[in-house]
């Protein structure tokens, strides 16, 4: 009996904090986040995402949200975390997405050529030579 009481006393602060954190997000907003995260997960191509951690992080960032508009800024973060620069959320005529920066900047010669000509042709002649 003393062990059970000790465990209850030990865990009470974390249980109360978890319940308080959940209650700091309006139920309708939580349902909206849940639904959208489920849809995003269902259609995600990235299989390396820890969805439980992502969901927890999103809820932590959403604390205090009372309206849908209060969590819209989280969607670029969500898409970044799952490495999806094609995904987006459209809400009231506005799009929320992650704008991934290009890993390799465009070669200046190619950029100039594509402005000057309608097409550019590149071909590999040998293993180490191309034109």
Foldseek 3Di string as FASTA:
>chain_A
DVVVVVVCVVCVVVVVVVVVLVVQAAPVLLVVLVVVLVVCVVPQPQPPAPSVVVNVVLSNCQGNHDDNVSSLQCAQVSCVRSVHQPDWDDDPNDIRHHDDDDPDDDDPVVVVVVVVDVDDDKDADDPPDID
